[in-house]
Amino acid sequence: NVEVTLMLLLLLLLLLLLLLLLLLLLLLPLLLASCSGEDLSPEKQACVQALLEGTVLCNDSALTTDKSSGTTLYTPNGAPTEVALITAALKAGINNDALKKATPRLASVPFESEHKFMATVHAVGPVTAGGGQRRVIFVKGAPDRLMPLCCSQLEDDELE
């Protein structure tokens, strides 16, 4: 049955994404230190920070906390891969609520299986005299769909 095959392929894709996110969470401390064990340069730390901020802003899931019992109880709401991205940002010290308030979402393209990516547009920086703000777009999704859209990459703190 074609529907069963498609469901199995989708489940395999989700499992692969979960494994990749788990790997990211396990390797996050390594991302924050160089191979020699020294801290990353401020420029590289800024790159990792920007990447994690993008994973929070281009995300429709949530991780709520409840401290009423004396211990912190985390409750995921949404797709497990999306919640894992939020968790990685929290572990890196990003205040997700403050970030979302400071960088409001203006528009979005929701994830759909036919195009395999999600995109969000956000207002950043101060409001200009004309009343506008600079805008930034964050995109995440399947590498086979996103890589052909790229015309440059960041390598060793240089845009190539």
N, C-alpha and C. Protein backbone atom coordinates (compact mmCIF):
# COMPACT_ATOMS: atom_id res chain seq x y z
N ASN A 1 0.84 -1.17 0.00
CA ASN A 1 0.00 0.00 0.00
C ASN A 1 0.89 1.24 0.00
N VAL A 2 0.61 2.19 -0.87
CA VAL A 2 1.41 3.40 -1.02
C VAL A 2 1.35 4.25 0.24
N GLU A 3 0.18 4.36 0.86
CA GLU A 3 0.04 5.17 2.06
C GLU A 3 0.88 4.63 3.20
N VAL A 4 0.91 3.32 3.37
CA VAL A 4 1.71 2.70 4.42
C VAL A 4 3.19 2.95 4.16
N THR A 5 3.61 2.81 2.92
CA THR A 5 5.01 3.05 2.56
C THR A 5 5.40 4.49 2.85
N LEU A 6 4.54 5.43 2.49
CA LEU A 6 4.82 6.84 2.74
C LEU A 6 4.89 7.13 4.24
N MET A 7 4.00 6.53 5.01
CA MET A 7 4.02 6.71 6.46
C MET A 7 5.31 6.16 7.05
N LEU A 8 5.75 5.00 6.58
CA LEU A 8 6.99 4.41 7.07
C LEU A 8 8.18 5.28 6.71
N LEU A 9 8.19 5.82 5.50
CA LEU A 9 9.28 6.72 5.10
C LEU A 9 9.28 7.99 5.95
N LEU A 10 8.12 8.52 6.23
CA LEU A 10 8.01 9.70 7.07
C LEU A 10 8.49 9.41 8.48
N LEU A 11 8.12 8.26 9.02
CA LEU A 11 8.58 7.87 10.35
C LEU A 11 10.09 7.69 10.37
N LEU A 12 10.65 7.10 9.34
CA LEU A 12 12.10 6.95 9.26
C LEU A 12 12.79 8.31 9.19
N LEU A 13 12.23 9.24 8.44
CA LEU A 13 12.78 10.58 8.35
C LEU A 13 12.74 11.27 9.71
N LEU A 14 11.62 11.16 10.41
CA LEU A 14 11.52 11.75 11.74
C LEU A 14 12.51 11.13 12.72
N LEU A 15 12.69 9.82 12.63
CA LEU A 15 13.66 9.15 13.48
C LEU A 15 15.07 9.64 13.19
N LEU A 16 15.39 9.81 11.93
CA LEU A 16 16.70 10.33 11.55
C LEU A 16 16.90 11.74 12.08
N LEU A 17 15.88 12.59 11.98
CA LEU A 17 15.97 13.94 12.51
C LEU A 17 16.15 13.93 14.03
N LEU A 18 15.44 13.05 14.71
CA LEU A 18 15.61 12.94 16.16
C LEU A 18 17.02 12.52 16.52
N LEU A 19 17.57 11.57 15.78
CA LEU A 19 18.94 11.13 16.05
C LEU A 19 19.93 12.26 15.80
N LEU A 20 19.72 13.04 14.74
CA LEU A 20 20.60 14.17 14.46
C LEU A 20 20.51 15.22 15.56
N LEU A 21 19.31 15.48 16.04
CA LEU A 21 19.16 16.46 17.12
C LEU A 21 19.77 15.96 18.42
N LEU A 22 19.64 14.68 18.69
CA LEU A 22 20.28 14.12 19.87
C LEU A 22 21.79 14.27 19.77
N LEU A 23 22.32 14.00 18.59
CA LEU A 23 23.75 14.18 18.36
C LEU A 23 24.15 15.63 18.58
N LEU A 24 23.33 16.57 18.11
CA LEU A 24 23.61 17.99 18.31
C LEU A 24 23.65 18.31 19.80
N LEU A 25 22.67 17.79 20.55
CA LEU A 25 22.65 18.05 22.00
C LEU A 25 23.87 17.46 22.69
N LEU A 26 24.29 16.29 22.25
CA LEU A 26 25.47 15.67 22.85
C LEU A 26 26.75 16.40 22.48
N LEU A 27 26.77 16.98 21.27
CA LEU A 27 27.97 17.66 20.80
C LEU A 27 27.99 19.14 21.10
N LEU A 28 26.91 19.68 21.64
CA LEU A 28 26.85 21.10 21.92
C LEU A 28 28.03 21.60 22.76
N PRO A 29 28.42 20.88 23.82
CA PRO A 29 29.59 21.34 24.57
C PRO A 29 30.84 21.40 23.70
N LEU A 30 30.95 20.49 22.74
CA LEU A 30 32.11 20.51 21.84
C LEU A 30 32.05 21.68 20.88
N LEU A 31 30.84 22.11 20.53
CA LEU A 31 30.71 23.28 19.65
C LEU A 31 31.20 24.54 20.35
N LEU A 32 31.12 24.54 21.66
CA LEU A 32 31.51 25.72 22.41
C LEU A 32 32.98 25.72 22.79
N ALA A 33 33.71 24.71 22.39
CA ALA A 33 35.16 24.67 22.63
C ALA A 33 35.84 24.21 21.35
N SER A 34 37.06 24.67 21.15
CA SER A 34 37.78 24.28 19.95
C SER A 34 38.37 22.88 20.14
N CYS A 35 38.98 22.33 19.11
CA CYS A 35 39.57 20.99 19.18
C CYS A 35 40.68 20.93 20.21
N SER A 36 41.35 22.04 20.45
CA SER A 36 42.45 22.05 21.42
C SER A 36 41.94 22.17 22.86
N GLY A 37 40.63 22.30 23.04
CA GLY A 37 40.07 22.43 24.37
C GLY A 37 39.92 23.88 24.81
N GLU A 38 40.39 24.82 23.98
CA GLU A 38 40.25 26.23 24.31
C GLU A 38 38.85 26.71 23.93
N ASP A 39 38.43 27.78 24.57
CA ASP A 39 37.13 28.36 24.23
C ASP A 39 37.14 28.85 22.80
N LEU A 40 35.95 28.88 22.21
CA LEU A 40 35.81 29.44 20.87
C LEU A 40 36.09 30.93 20.89
N SER A 41 36.52 31.45 19.77
CA SER A 41 36.71 32.89 19.64
C SER A 41 35.35 33.56 19.78
N PRO A 42 35.33 34.83 20.16
CA PRO A 42 34.04 35.54 20.25
C PRO A 42 33.26 35.49 18.94
N GLU A 43 33.95 35.53 17.81
CA GLU A 43 33.27 35.47 16.51
C GLU A 43 32.58 34.12 16.32
N LYS A 44 33.27 33.03 16.69
CA LYS A 44 32.67 31.70 16.53
C LYS A 44 31.55 31.48 17.54
N GLN A 45 31.71 32.03 18.74
CA GLN A 45 30.62 31.95 19.71
C GLN A 45 29.40 32.68 19.18
N ALA A 46 29.62 33.81 18.52
CA ALA A 46 28.51 34.58 17.95
C ALA A 46 27.81 33.77 16.85
N CYS A 47 28.58 33.01 16.06
CA CYS A 47 27.98 32.19 15.01
C CYS A 47 27.10 31.09 15.60
N VAL A 48 27.60 30.42 16.65
CA VAL A 48 26.82 29.36 17.30
C VAL A 48 25.58 29.97 17.95
N GLN A 49 25.74 31.14 18.58
CA GLN A 49 24.60 31.83 19.20
C GLN A 49 23.55 32.16 18.15
N ALA A 50 23.97 32.69 16.99
CA ALA A 50 23.02 33.05 15.94
C ALA A 50 22.30 31.81 15.40
N LEU A 51 23.03 30.71 15.25
CA LEU A 51 22.42 29.47 14.78
C LEU A 51 21.33 29.01 15.75
N LEU A 52 21.65 29.01 17.04
CA LEU A 52 20.67 28.56 18.04
C LEU A 52 19.50 29.52 18.16
N GLU A 53 19.76 30.82 18.02
CA GLU A 53 18.65 31.78 18.04
C GLU A 53 17.72 31.52 16.87
N GLY A 54 18.28 31.20 15.71
CA GLY A 54 17.45 30.88 14.55
C GLY A 54 16.59 29.65 14.78
N THR A 55 17.12 28.66 15.52
CA THR A 55 16.33 27.45 15.78
C THR A 55 15.16 27.74 16.72
N VAL A 56 15.31 28.76 17.56
CA VAL A 56 14.21 29.14 18.46
C VAL A 56 13.16 29.95 17.70
N LEU A 57 13.63 30.89 16.89
CA LEU A 57 12.70 31.78 16.19
C LEU A 57 11.95 31.08 15.07
N CYS A 58 12.59 30.14 14.41
CA CYS A 58 11.94 29.38 13.32
C CYS A 58 11.41 28.08 13.92
N ASN A 59 10.43 28.20 14.82
CA ASN A 59 9.98 27.05 15.59
C ASN A 59 8.56 27.31 16.09
N ASP A 60 7.69 26.35 15.94
CA ASP A 60 6.31 26.49 16.41
C ASP A 60 6.01 25.66 17.65
N SER A 61 7.01 25.00 18.20
CA SER A 61 6.82 24.19 19.40
C SER A 61 7.19 24.99 20.64
N ALA A 62 7.02 24.39 21.80
CA ALA A 62 7.32 25.08 23.06
C ALA A 62 7.80 24.08 24.10
N LEU A 63 8.53 24.60 25.05
CA LEU A 63 8.96 23.82 26.22
C LEU A 63 8.60 24.65 27.44
N THR A 64 7.51 24.29 28.10
CA THR A 64 7.06 25.07 29.25
C THR A 64 7.66 24.52 30.53
N THR A 65 7.81 25.40 31.51
CA THR A 65 8.37 24.99 32.79
C THR A 65 7.36 25.28 33.89
N ASP A 66 7.38 24.41 34.90
CA ASP A 66 6.54 24.57 36.08
C ASP A 66 7.42 24.34 37.29
N LYS A 67 7.57 25.37 38.12
CA LYS A 67 8.43 25.28 39.30
C LYS A 67 7.60 25.26 40.59
N SER A 68 6.30 25.07 40.46
CA SER A 68 5.42 25.16 41.63
C SER A 68 5.66 24.04 42.65
N SER A 69 6.19 22.91 42.21
CA SER A 69 6.38 21.78 43.13
C SER A 69 7.73 21.83 43.84
N GLY A 70 8.51 22.88 43.58
CA GLY A 70 9.84 22.96 44.19
C GLY A 70 10.94 22.46 43.28
N THR A 71 10.58 21.68 42.29
CA THR A 71 11.53 21.24 41.27
C THR A 71 11.00 21.73 39.92
N THR A 72 11.88 21.85 38.97
CA THR A 72 11.46 22.31 37.65
C THR A 72 10.95 21.14 36.83
N LEU A 73 9.72 21.28 36.35
CA LEU A 73 9.10 20.27 35.50
C LEU A 73 8.99 20.85 34.10
N TYR A 74 9.61 20.19 33.13
CA TYR A 74 9.57 20.63 31.74
C TYR A 74 8.50 19.84 30.99
N THR A 75 7.66 20.55 30.24
CA THR A 75 6.61 19.91 29.46
C THR A 75 6.77 20.30 28.00
N PRO A 76 7.10 19.33 27.14
CA PRO A 76 7.22 19.64 25.71
C PRO A 76 5.85 19.77 25.07
N ASN A 77 5.75 20.69 24.14
CA ASN A 77 4.50 20.88 23.40
C ASN A 77 4.85 21.07 21.93
N GLY A 78 4.61 20.04 21.14
CA GLY A 78 4.92 20.11 19.72
C GLY A 78 5.79 18.96 19.28
N ALA A 79 6.37 19.12 18.11
CA ALA A 79 7.20 18.06 17.53
C ALA A 79 8.47 17.85 18.35
N PRO A 80 8.84 16.59 18.59
CA PRO A 80 10.04 16.31 19.39
C PRO A 80 11.32 16.96 18.83
N THR A 81 11.47 16.99 17.52
CA THR A 81 12.68 17.59 16.95
C THR A 81 12.70 19.10 17.21
N GLU A 82 11.54 19.73 17.14
CA GLU A 82 11.46 21.17 17.41
C GLU A 82 11.77 21.45 18.87
N VAL A 83 11.24 20.64 19.76
CA VAL A 83 11.49 20.83 21.20
C VAL A 83 12.97 20.60 21.51
N ALA A 84 13.60 19.67 20.81
CA ALA A 84 15.03 19.44 21.01
C ALA A 84 15.85 20.67 20.62
N LEU A 85 15.46 21.37 19.58
CA LEU A 85 16.14 22.59 19.19
C LEU A 85 15.98 23.67 20.26
N ILE A 86 14.79 23.78 20.82
CA ILE A 86 14.55 24.74 21.90
C ILE A 86 15.41 24.38 23.11
N THR A 87 15.48 23.09 23.42
CA THR A 87 16.28 22.63 24.57
C THR A 87 17.76 22.96 24.37
N ALA A 88 18.27 22.76 23.17
CA ALA A 88 19.68 23.09 22.88
C ALA A 88 19.94 24.56 23.12
N ALA A 89 19.02 25.42 22.69
CA ALA A 89 19.19 26.86 22.90
C ALA A 89 19.14 27.21 24.39
N LEU A 90 18.23 26.59 25.13
CA LEU A 90 18.16 26.84 26.56
C LEU A 90 19.45 26.42 27.25
N LYS A 91 19.99 25.28 26.86
CA LYS A 91 21.23 24.79 27.46
C LYS A 91 22.41 25.69 27.14
N ALA A 92 22.31 26.43 26.04
CA ALA A 92 23.37 27.37 25.67
C ALA A 92 23.17 28.73 26.32
N GLY A 93 22.12 28.86 27.14
CA GLY A 93 21.90 30.09 27.89
C GLY A 93 21.02 31.12 27.19
N ILE A 94 20.32 30.74 26.15
CA ILE A 94 19.46 31.67 25.43
C ILE A 94 18.11 31.75 26.14
N ASN A 95 17.67 32.96 26.42
CA ASN A 95 16.36 33.19 27.02
C ASN A 95 15.35 33.25 25.88
N ASN A 96 14.67 32.15 25.63
CA ASN A 96 13.78 32.04 24.48
C ASN A 96 12.66 33.07 24.49
N ASP A 97 12.04 33.29 25.65
CA ASP A 97 10.93 34.24 25.72
C ASP A 97 11.40 35.66 25.41
N ALA A 98 12.53 36.05 25.98
CA ALA A 98 13.06 37.40 25.71
C ALA A 98 13.45 37.55 24.24
N LEU A 99 14.03 36.50 23.67
CA LEU A 99 14.43 36.54 22.26
C LEU A 99 13.21 36.71 21.36
N LYS A 100 12.15 35.95 21.62
CA LYS A 100 10.94 36.05 20.80
C LYS A 100 10.27 37.42 20.95
N LYS A 101 10.35 38.00 22.14
CA LYS A 101 9.76 39.32 22.35
C LYS A 101 10.57 40.40 21.62
N ALA A 102 11.89 40.27 21.66
CA ALA A 102 12.76 41.27 21.02
C ALA A 102 12.82 41.12 19.51
N THR A 103 12.45 39.94 19.00
CA THR A 103 12.54 39.65 17.56
C THR A 103 11.20 39.09 17.10
N PRO A 104 10.18 39.92 17.02
CA PRO A 104 8.84 39.41 16.71
C PRO A 104 8.74 38.81 15.30
N ARG A 105 7.95 37.75 15.20
CA ARG A 105 7.69 37.10 13.91
C ARG A 105 6.69 37.94 13.12
N LEU A 106 7.04 38.22 11.88
CA LEU A 106 6.17 39.00 11.01
C LEU A 106 5.42 38.12 10.02
N ALA A 107 6.04 37.02 9.61
CA ALA A 107 5.42 36.12 8.63
C ALA A 107 6.10 34.77 8.75
N SER A 108 5.44 33.75 8.17
CA SER A 108 6.05 32.42 8.18
C SER A 108 5.54 31.58 7.02
N VAL A 109 6.36 30.62 6.66
CA VAL A 109 5.98 29.56 5.72
C VAL A 109 6.03 28.29 6.55
N PRO A 110 4.88 27.71 6.90
CA PRO A 110 4.89 26.51 7.75
C PRO A 110 5.48 25.30 7.03
N PHE A 111 5.99 24.38 7.80
CA PHE A 111 6.55 23.15 7.23
C PHE A 111 5.43 22.36 6.56
N GLU A 112 5.72 21.92 5.36
CA GLU A 112 4.84 20.99 4.65
C GLU A 112 5.71 19.94 4.00
N SER A 113 5.23 18.72 3.99
CA SER A 113 6.04 17.61 3.49
C SER A 113 6.43 17.79 2.03
N GLU A 114 5.65 18.54 1.27
CA GLU A 114 5.97 18.70 -0.15
C GLU A 114 7.19 19.58 -0.38
N HIS A 115 7.44 20.57 0.49
CA HIS A 115 8.64 21.39 0.29
C HIS A 115 9.71 21.18 1.35
N LYS A 116 9.42 20.49 2.43
CA LYS A 116 10.37 20.03 3.43
C LYS A 116 11.20 21.14 4.08
N PHE A 117 10.62 22.30 4.28
CA PHE A 117 11.30 23.34 5.05
C PHE A 117 10.27 24.25 5.70
N MET A 118 10.76 25.02 6.67
CA MET A 118 9.96 26.04 7.35
C MET A 118 10.76 27.32 7.29
N ALA A 119 10.09 28.45 7.16
CA ALA A 119 10.76 29.74 7.14
C ALA A 119 9.96 30.74 7.96
N THR A 120 10.66 31.63 8.64
CA THR A 120 10.00 32.70 9.39
C THR A 120 10.73 34.01 9.12
N VAL A 121 9.99 35.10 9.12
CA VAL A 121 10.54 36.45 8.94
C VAL A 121 10.35 37.20 10.24
N HIS A 122 11.42 37.87 10.69
CA HIS A 122 11.39 38.57 11.98
C HIS A 122 11.89 40.00 11.85
N ALA A 123 11.34 40.88 12.68
CA ALA A 123 11.83 42.25 12.79
C ALA A 123 12.97 42.27 13.79
N VAL A 124 14.07 42.93 13.41
CA VAL A 124 15.23 43.01 14.30
C VAL A 124 15.74 44.44 14.39
N GLY A 125 16.35 44.73 15.50
CA GLY A 125 16.96 46.04 15.67
C GLY A 125 15.98 47.14 16.00
N PRO A 126 16.52 48.35 16.10
CA PRO A 126 15.67 49.48 16.48
C PRO A 126 14.73 49.91 15.35
N VAL A 127 13.65 50.54 15.74
CA VAL A 127 12.70 51.10 14.77
C VAL A 127 13.33 52.36 14.19
N THR A 128 13.30 52.48 12.87
CA THR A 128 13.88 53.64 12.20
C THR A 128 12.93 54.84 12.30
N ALA A 129 13.43 55.99 11.88
CA ALA A 129 12.61 57.21 11.89
C ALA A 129 11.36 57.03 11.03
N GLY A 130 11.46 56.22 9.97
CA GLY A 130 10.32 55.95 9.11
C GLY A 130 9.35 54.93 9.67
N GLY A 131 9.66 54.39 10.84
CA GLY A 131 8.77 53.44 11.49
C GLY A 131 9.03 51.98 11.15
N GLY A 132 10.03 51.70 10.31
CA GLY A 132 10.32 50.32 9.93
C GLY A 132 11.45 49.72 10.73
N GLN A 133 11.65 48.45 10.53
CA GLN A 133 12.76 47.72 11.16
C GLN A 133 13.41 46.83 10.12
N ARG A 134 14.67 46.51 10.37
CA ARG A 134 15.36 45.54 9.52
C ARG A 134 14.67 44.19 9.70
N ARG A 135 14.67 43.39 8.65
CA ARG A 135 14.04 42.07 8.70
C ARG A 135 15.08 40.99 8.42
N VAL A 136 14.87 39.85 9.06
CA VAL A 136 15.74 38.70 8.83
C VAL A 136 14.85 37.47 8.64
N ILE A 137 15.29 36.56 7.78
CA ILE A 137 14.54 35.33 7.55
C ILE A 137 15.37 34.16 8.06
N PHE A 138 14.71 33.25 8.76
CA PHE A 138 15.33 32.02 9.22
C PHE A 138 14.65 30.86 8.50
N VAL A 139 15.46 29.94 8.00
CA VAL A 139 14.94 28.79 7.27
C VAL A 139 15.60 27.54 7.83
N LYS A 140 14.80 26.50 8.02
CA LYS A 140 15.35 25.20 8.42
C LYS A 140 14.57 24.12 7.70
N GLY A 141 15.25 23.01 7.41
CA GLY A 141 14.58 21.93 6.72
C GLY A 141 15.54 20.91 6.17
N ALA A 142 15.06 20.17 5.20
CA ALA A 142 15.83 19.07 4.61
C ALA A 142 17.01 19.63 3.82
N PRO A 143 18.22 19.15 4.11
CA PRO A 143 19.40 19.65 3.38
C PRO A 143 19.28 19.52 1.87
N ASP A 144 18.67 18.43 1.39
CA ASP A 144 18.56 18.26 -0.06
C ASP A 144 17.67 19.33 -0.70
N ARG A 145 16.83 19.98 0.08
CA ARG A 145 15.99 21.06 -0.45
C ARG A 145 16.65 22.43 -0.23
N LEU A 146 17.39 22.59 0.87
CA LEU A 146 17.94 23.90 1.20
C LEU A 146 19.29 24.17 0.54
N MET A 147 20.13 23.17 0.45
CA MET A 147 21.48 23.40 -0.10
C MET A 147 21.46 23.97 -1.52
N PRO A 148 20.59 23.49 -2.41
CA PRO A 148 20.55 24.09 -3.75
C PRO A 148 20.15 25.57 -3.76
N LEU A 149 19.53 26.03 -2.69
CA LEU A 149 19.12 27.42 -2.61
C LEU A 149 20.23 28.34 -2.11
N CYS A 150 21.32 27.74 -1.61
CA CYS A 150 22.41 28.52 -1.02
C CYS A 150 23.42 28.96 -2.07
N CYS A 151 23.93 30.18 -1.89
CA CYS A 151 24.96 30.68 -2.81
C CYS A 151 26.25 30.99 -2.07
N SER A 152 26.28 30.84 -0.74
CA SER A 152 27.49 31.09 0.04
C SER A 152 27.43 30.27 1.32
N GLN A 153 28.55 30.25 2.03
CA GLN A 153 28.61 29.54 3.30
C GLN A 153 29.56 30.28 4.23
N LEU A 154 29.41 30.07 5.52
CA LEU A 154 30.28 30.66 6.52
C LEU A 154 31.33 29.62 6.87
N GLU A 155 32.59 29.95 6.66
CA GLU A 155 33.68 29.04 6.98
C GLU A 155 34.82 29.83 7.60
N ASP A 156 35.27 29.38 8.78
CA ASP A 156 36.34 30.08 9.51
C ASP A 156 36.05 31.56 9.66
N ASP A 157 34.84 31.88 10.05
CA ASP A 157 34.39 33.25 10.30
C ASP A 157 34.37 34.11 9.04
N GLU A 158 34.45 33.50 7.87
CA GLU A 158 34.42 34.25 6.62
C GLU A 158 33.26 33.75 5.76
N LEU A 159 32.55 34.67 5.13
CA LEU A 159 31.49 34.31 4.21
C LEU A 159 32.10 34.02 2.86
N GLU A 160 31.89 32.80 2.35
CA GLU A 160 32.48 32.41 1.05
C GLU A 160 31.39 32.10 0.06
